[in-house]
C-alpha atoms as a PDB file:
ATOM      1  CA  SER A   1     179.710 218.697 128.651  1.00  0.00           C
ATOM      2  CA  ASN A   2     180.482 222.371 129.227  1.00  0.00           C
ATOM      3  CA  LEU A   3     177.967 223.381 126.569  1.00  0.00           C
ATOM      4  CA  LEU A   4     175.386 221.119 128.199  1.00  0.00           C
ATOM      5  CA  ASP A   5     176.145 222.701 131.582  1.00  0.00           C
ATOM      6  CA  LYS A   6     175.613 226.180 130.122  1.00  0.00           C
ATOM      7  CA  TYR A   7     172.401 225.107 128.366  1.00  0.00           C
ATOM      8  CA  LEU A   8     170.998 223.632 131.585  1.00  0.00           C
ATOM      9  CA  LEU A   9     171.878 226.798 133.499  1.00  0.00           C
ATOM     10  CA  GLU A  10     170.224 229.057 130.945  1.00  0.00           C
ATOM     11  CA  LYS A  11     167.113 227.016 130.146  1.00  0.00           C
ATOM     12  CA  TRP A  12     166.261 224.878 133.161  1.00  0.00           C
ATOM     13  CA  LEU A  13     168.119 225.571 136.354  1.00  0.00           C
ATOM     14  CA  LYS A  14     168.653 229.368 136.312  1.00  0.00           C
ATOM     15  CA  ASN A  15     170.455 229.160 139.673  1.00  0.00           C
ATOM     16  CA  PRO A  16     173.994 227.737 139.455  1.00  0.00           C
ATOM     17  CA  LEU A  17     173.673 226.141 142.882  1.00  0.00           C
ATOM     18  CA  LEU A  18     170.830 223.924 141.648  1.00  0.00           C
ATOM     19  CA  SER A  19     173.422 222.148 139.513  1.00  0.00           C
ATOM     20  CA  LEU A  20     174.759 220.712 142.750  1.00  0.00           C
ATOM     21  CA  ASN A  21     171.606 218.563 143.024  1.00  0.00           C
ATOM     22  CA  ILE A  22     172.691 216.751 139.876  1.00  0.00           C
ATOM     23  CA  ILE A  23     176.197 216.302 141.277  1.00  0.00           C
ATOM     24  CA  PHE A  24     174.713 214.973 144.521  1.00  0.00           C
ATOM     25  CA  PHE A  25     172.758 212.239 142.734  1.00  0.00           C
ATOM     26  CA  VAL A  26     175.648 211.311 140.434  1.00  0.00           C
ATOM     27  CA  ASP A  27     178.059 211.109 143.386  1.00  0.00           C
ATOM     28  CA  LEU A  28     175.619 209.052 145.421  1.00  0.00           C
ATOM     29  CA  ILE A  29     174.917 206.629 142.559  1.00  0.00           C
ATOM     30  CA  ALA A  30     178.654 206.255 141.856  1.00  0.00           C
ATOM     31  CA  ALA A  31     179.431 205.573 145.532  1.00  0.00           C
ATOM     32  CA  VAL A  32     176.647 202.987 145.845  1.00  0.00           C
ATOM     33  CA  ALA A  33     177.711 201.319 142.584  1.00  0.00           C
ATOM     34  CA  VAL A  34     181.317 201.060 143.761  1.00  0.00           C
ATOM     35  CA  TYR A  35     180.223 199.735 147.140  1.00  0.00           C
ATOM     36  CA  PHE A  36     178.076 196.959 145.669  1.00  0.00           C
ATOM     37  CA  THR A  37     180.470 196.002 142.862  1.00  0.00           C
ATOM     38  CA  HIS A  38     183.804 196.390 144.635  1.00  0.00           C
ATOM     39  CA  GLY A  39     183.253 197.275 148.262  1.00  0.00           C
ATOM     40  CA  PHE A  40     185.216 199.814 150.266  1.00  0.00           C
ATOM     41  CA  ASN A  41     188.524 198.751 151.750  1.00  0.00           C
ATOM     42  CA  SER A  42     189.191 200.243 155.156  1.00  0.00           C
ATOM     43  CA  ILE A  43     191.452 203.264 155.513  1.00  0.00           C
ATOM     44  CA  SER A  44     192.718 205.076 158.595  1.00  0.00           C
ATOM     45  CA  PRO A  45     190.625 207.735 160.380  1.00  0.00           C
ATOM     46  CA  MET A  46     193.156 210.385 159.257  1.00  0.00           C
ATOM     47  CA  ASN A  47     192.713 209.345 155.637  1.00  0.00           C
ATOM     48  CA  ILE A  48     188.925 209.342 156.031  1.00  0.00           C
ATOM     49  CA  MET A  49     189.221 212.949 157.194  1.00  0.00           C
ATOM     50  CA  LEU A  50     191.317 213.724 154.091  1.00  0.00           C
ATOM     51  CA  VAL A  51     188.708 212.013 151.900  1.00  0.00           C
ATOM     52  CA  VAL A  52     185.984 214.241 153.367  1.00  0.00           C
ATOM     53  CA  ILE A  53     188.142 217.320 152.762  1.00  0.00           C
ATOM     54  CA  CYS A  54     188.726 216.096 149.214  1.00  0.00           C
ATOM     55  CA  GLY A  55     184.979 215.679 148.651  1.00  0.00           C
ATOM     56  CA  ALA A  56     184.266 219.140 150.098  1.00  0.00           C
ATOM     57  CA  LEU A  57     186.932 220.760 147.912  1.00  0.00           C
ATOM     58  CA  SER A  58     185.523 219.043 144.827  1.00  0.00           C
ATOM     59  CA  ILE A  59     182.077 220.435 145.627  1.00  0.00           C
ATOM     60  CA  MET A  60     183.524 223.910 146.234  1.00  0.00           C
ATOM     61  CA  GLY A  61     185.243 223.695 142.849  1.00  0.00           C
ATOM     62  CA  ALA A  62     181.925 222.796 141.225  1.00  0.00           C
ATOM     63  CA  VAL A  63     180.213 225.753 142.926  1.00  0.00           C
ATOM     64  CA  PHE A  64     182.844 228.151 141.579  1.00  0.00           C
ATOM     65  CA  TYR A  65     182.602 226.591 138.108  1.00  0.00           C
ATOM     66  CA  PHE A  66     178.824 226.836 137.859  1.00  0.00           C
ATOM     67  CA  MET A  67     178.838 230.406 139.184  1.00  0.00           C
ATOM     68  CA  ALA A  68     181.439 231.391 136.574  1.00  0.00           C
ATOM     69  CA  LEU A  69     179.526 229.603 133.827  1.00  0.00           C
ATOM     70  CA  ASN A  70     176.359 231.406 134.861  1.00  0.00           C
ATOM     71  CA  ILE A  71     177.892 234.844 134.199  1.00  0.00           C
ATOM     72  CA  GLU A  72     180.244 234.195 131.287  1.00  0.00           C
ATOM     73  CA  GLU A  73     180.306 232.613 127.853  1.00  0.00           C
ATOM     74  CA  VAL A  74     181.332 228.972 127.808  1.00  0.00           C
ATOM     75  CA  SER A  75     184.028 229.804 125.231  1.00  0.00           C
ATOM     76  CA  ARG A  76     185.762 231.992 127.833  1.00  0.00           C
ATOM     77  CA  ILE A  77     185.352 229.527 130.722  1.00  0.00           C
ATOM     78  CA  VAL A  78     186.564 226.280 129.148  1.00  0.00           C
ATOM     79  CA  PRO A  79     190.072 227.541 128.248  1.00  0.00           C
ATOM     80  CA  LEU A  80     190.618 228.442 131.889  1.00  0.00           C
ATOM     81  CA  PHE A  81     190.649 224.743 132.739  1.00  0.00           C
ATOM     82  CA  ASN A  82     194.061 224.702 131.056  1.00  0.00           C
ATOM     83  CA  ILE A  83     195.485 226.727 133.951  1.00  0.00           C
ATOM     84  CA  GLY A  84     194.701 223.837 136.313  1.00  0.00           C
ATOM     85  CA  PRO A  85     197.930 221.929 135.608  1.00  0.00           C
ATOM     86  CA  LEU A  86     199.924 224.864 137.005  1.00  0.00           C
ATOM     87  CA  PHE A  87     198.311 224.484 140.421  1.00  0.00           C
ATOM     88  CA  ILE A  88     198.659 220.709 140.283  1.00  0.00           C
ATOM     89  CA  LEU A  89     202.323 221.078 139.278  1.00  0.00           C
ATOM     90  CA  VAL A  90     203.093 223.336 142.232  1.00  0.00           C
ATOM     91  CA  LEU A  91     201.120 221.297 144.777  1.00  0.00           C
ATOM     92  CA  ALA A  92     202.390 217.912 143.572  1.00  0.00           C
ATOM     93  CA  THR A  93     205.965 219.191 143.648  1.00  0.00           C
ATOM     94  CA  LEU A  94     205.616 220.686 147.130  1.00  0.00           C
ATOM     95  CA  PHE A  95     203.577 217.982 148.836  1.00  0.00           C
ATOM     96  CA  LEU A  96     204.179 214.768 146.891  1.00  0.00           C
ATOM     97  CA  GLY A  97     207.769 215.368 145.799  1.00  0.00           C
ATOM     98  CA  GLU A  98     206.949 214.822 142.139  1.00  0.00           C
ATOM     99  CA  VAL A  99     209.387 216.055 139.527  1.00  0.00           C
ATOM    100  CA  PHE A 100     208.258 217.367 136.150  1.00  0.00           C
ATOM    101  CA  THR A 101     210.484 217.313 133.088  1.00  0.00           C
ATOM    102  CA  PRO A 102     211.324 220.597 131.328  1.00  0.00           C
ATOM    103  CA  GLY A 103     209.142 219.506 128.398  1.00  0.00           C
ATOM    104  CA  LYS A 104     206.098 219.001 130.608  1.00  0.00           C
ATOM    105  CA  SER A 105     206.749 222.300 132.349  1.00  0.00           C
ATOM    106  CA  LEU A 106     206.988 224.096 128.995  1.00  0.00           C
ATOM    107  CA  GLY A 107     203.734 222.480 127.861  1.00  0.00           C
ATOM    108  CA  ILE A 108     201.985 223.621 131.032  1.00  0.00           C
ATOM    109  CA  ALA A 109     203.372 227.155 130.551  1.00  0.00           C
ATOM    110  CA  LEU A 110     202.071 227.303 126.968  1.00  0.00           C
ATOM    111  CA  LEU A 111     198.622 226.106 128.064  1.00  0.00           C
ATOM    112  CA  ILE A 112     198.522 228.781 130.752  1.00  0.00           C
ATOM    113  CA  ILE A 113     199.622 231.595 128.446  1.00  0.00           C
ATOM    114  CA  GLY A 114     197.007 230.613 125.860  1.00  0.00           C
ATOM    115  CA  SER A 115     194.286 230.343 128.504  1.00  0.00           C
ATOM    116  CA  VAL A 116     195.023 233.755 129.958  1.00  0.00           C
ATOM    117  CA  LEU A 117     195.185 235.408 126.542  1.00  0.00           C
ATOM    118  CA  ILE A 118     191.858 233.978 125.414  1.00  0.00           C
ATOM    119  CA  THR A 119     189.995 234.975 128.582  1.00  0.00           C
ATOM    120  CA  ILE A 120     191.219 238.537 129.101  1.00  0.00           C
ATOM    121  CA  LYS A 121     188.589 241.174 128.354  1.00  0.00           C
ATOM    122  CA  LYS A 122     189.492 244.558 126.925  1.00  0.00           C
ATOM    123  CA  VAL A 123     188.377 247.587 128.922  1.00  0.00           C
ATOM    124  CA  GLU A 124     187.782 250.978 127.269  1.00  0.00           C
ATOM    125  CA  SER A 125     191.212 251.481 125.720  1.00  0.00           C
ATOM    126  CA  LYS A 126     192.995 248.746 123.878  1.00  0.00           C
ATOM    127  CA  ARG A 127     196.001 248.873 126.212  1.00  0.00           C
ATOM    128  CA  LYS A 128     194.214 248.036 129.456  1.00  0.00           C
ATOM    129  CA  PHE A 129     193.032 244.559 130.330  1.00  0.00           C
ATOM    130  CA  HIS A 130     190.661 243.461 133.060  1.00  0.00           C
ATOM    131  CA  PHE A 131     190.122 240.041 134.565  1.00  0.00           C
ATOM    132  CA  GLY A 132     186.380 239.564 134.936  1.00  0.00           C
ATOM    133  CA  LYS A 133     184.555 238.077 137.903  1.00  0.00           C
ATOM    134  CA  SER A 134     184.358 234.766 136.069  1.00  0.00           C
ATOM    135  CA  MET A 135     188.163 234.606 135.941  1.00  0.00           C
ATOM    136  CA  TRP A 136     188.361 234.874 139.734  1.00  0.00           C
ATOM    137  CA  LEU A 137     185.623 232.286 140.179  1.00  0.00           C
ATOM    138  CA  MET A 138     187.459 229.921 137.856  1.00  0.00           C
ATOM    139  CA  LEU A 139     190.688 230.463 139.789  1.00  0.00           C
ATOM    140  CA  GLY A 140     188.766 229.372 142.896  1.00  0.00           C
ATOM    141  CA  CYS A 141     187.527 226.337 140.968  1.00  0.00           C
ATOM    142  CA  LEU A 142     190.988 225.430 139.759  1.00  0.00           C
ATOM    143  CA  ILE A 143     192.710 225.860 143.119  1.00  0.00           C
ATOM    144  CA  THR A 144     190.155 223.807 145.057  1.00  0.00           C
ATOM    145  CA  SER A 145     190.091 221.159 142.329  1.00  0.00           C
ATOM    146  CA  ALA A 146     193.907 220.979 142.238  1.00  0.00           C
ATOM    147  CA  ILE A 147     194.068 220.488 145.992  1.00  0.00           C
ATOM    148  CA  ALA A 148     191.430 217.747 145.732  1.00  0.00           C
ATOM    149  CA  GLN A 149     193.344 215.999 142.929  1.00  0.00           C
ATOM    150  CA  VAL A 150     196.658 216.110 144.788  1.00  0.00           C
ATOM    151  CA  LEU A 151     194.914 214.834 147.927  1.00  0.00           C
ATOM    152  CA  THR A 152     193.423 211.995 145.883  1.00  0.00           C
ATOM    153  CA  LYS A 153     196.858 211.071 144.538  1.00  0.00           C
ATOM    154  CA  TYR A 154     198.170 211.077 148.114  1.00  0.00           C
ATOM    155  CA  LEU A 155     195.278 208.889 149.313  1.00  0.00           C
ATOM    156  CA  LEU A 156     195.961 206.352 146.573  1.00  0.00           C
ATOM    157  CA  ARG A 157     199.122 205.440 148.482  1.00  0.00           C
ATOM    158  CA  PHE A 158     196.888 203.981 151.219  1.00  0.00           C
ATOM    159  CA  GLY A 159     194.002 202.432 149.315  1.00  0.00           C
ATOM    160  CA  ASP A 160     192.985 201.022 145.983  1.00  0.00           C
ATOM    161  CA  TYR A 161     191.516 203.249 143.283  1.00  0.00           C
ATOM    162  CA  TRP A 162     187.896 202.090 143.575  1.00  0.00           C
ATOM    163  CA  SER A 163     187.760 202.463 147.345  1.00  0.00           C
ATOM    164  CA  ILE A 164     189.222 205.979 147.237  1.00  0.00           C
ATOM    165  CA  PHE A 165     186.902 206.878 144.345  1.00  0.00           C
ATOM    166  CA  GLY A 166     183.876 205.542 146.224  1.00  0.00           C
ATOM    167  CA  TYR A 167     184.843 207.286 149.457  1.00  0.00           C
ATOM    168  CA  THR A 168     185.356 210.644 147.725  1.00  0.00           C
ATOM    169  CA  ARG A 169     182.029 210.382 145.843  1.00  0.00           C
ATOM    170  CA  LEU A 170     180.239 209.459 149.055  1.00  0.00           C
ATOM    171  CA  SER A 171     181.884 212.302 150.965  1.00  0.00           C
ATOM    172  CA  GLY A 172     180.942 214.724 148.171  1.00  0.00           C
ATOM    173  CA  ALA A 173     177.315 213.608 148.419  1.00  0.00           C
ATOM    174  CA  LEU A 174     177.396 213.897 152.220  1.00  0.00           C
ATOM    175  CA  VAL A 175     178.885 217.394 152.013  1.00  0.00           C
ATOM    176  CA  LEU A 176     176.017 218.412 149.726  1.00  0.00           C
ATOM    177  CA  ILE A 177     173.469 217.136 152.236  1.00  0.00           C
END
């Protein structure tokens, strides 16, 4: 899918923000499909506000991703997704009280080290390294996406999966409007 995203950006869309039109239609179709096949169970006004924030953060993450993909090779962008579990680990521990085993923590650390090593660009001398603009954009993508995922896990305490999924897709589509 990442290669397809890059191909679409290079050949058809040119502007990374146009990719959001595709996300809008996919989110809207998914929300309508969930509504007609499952329906939306009611959730509290506070949780609806969190769902909207979750949808907005997901869209922000997509914006950062497509901007990074527009300026960098896909082979340097995709490994950065492996840093995402670090942000989820920290947020889930702080806000949801989740505990990760040492083995899982070691696995996350190894993914992060590998991701950073593969995406660092050499500058002039071999001893200096520079994080490119795409690295910072992907960090924005990963942070906003991690917050959205932890929020989704929190919201699942108050509603069933399909309702929360439908609400977040609908809120993502509404944010794009």
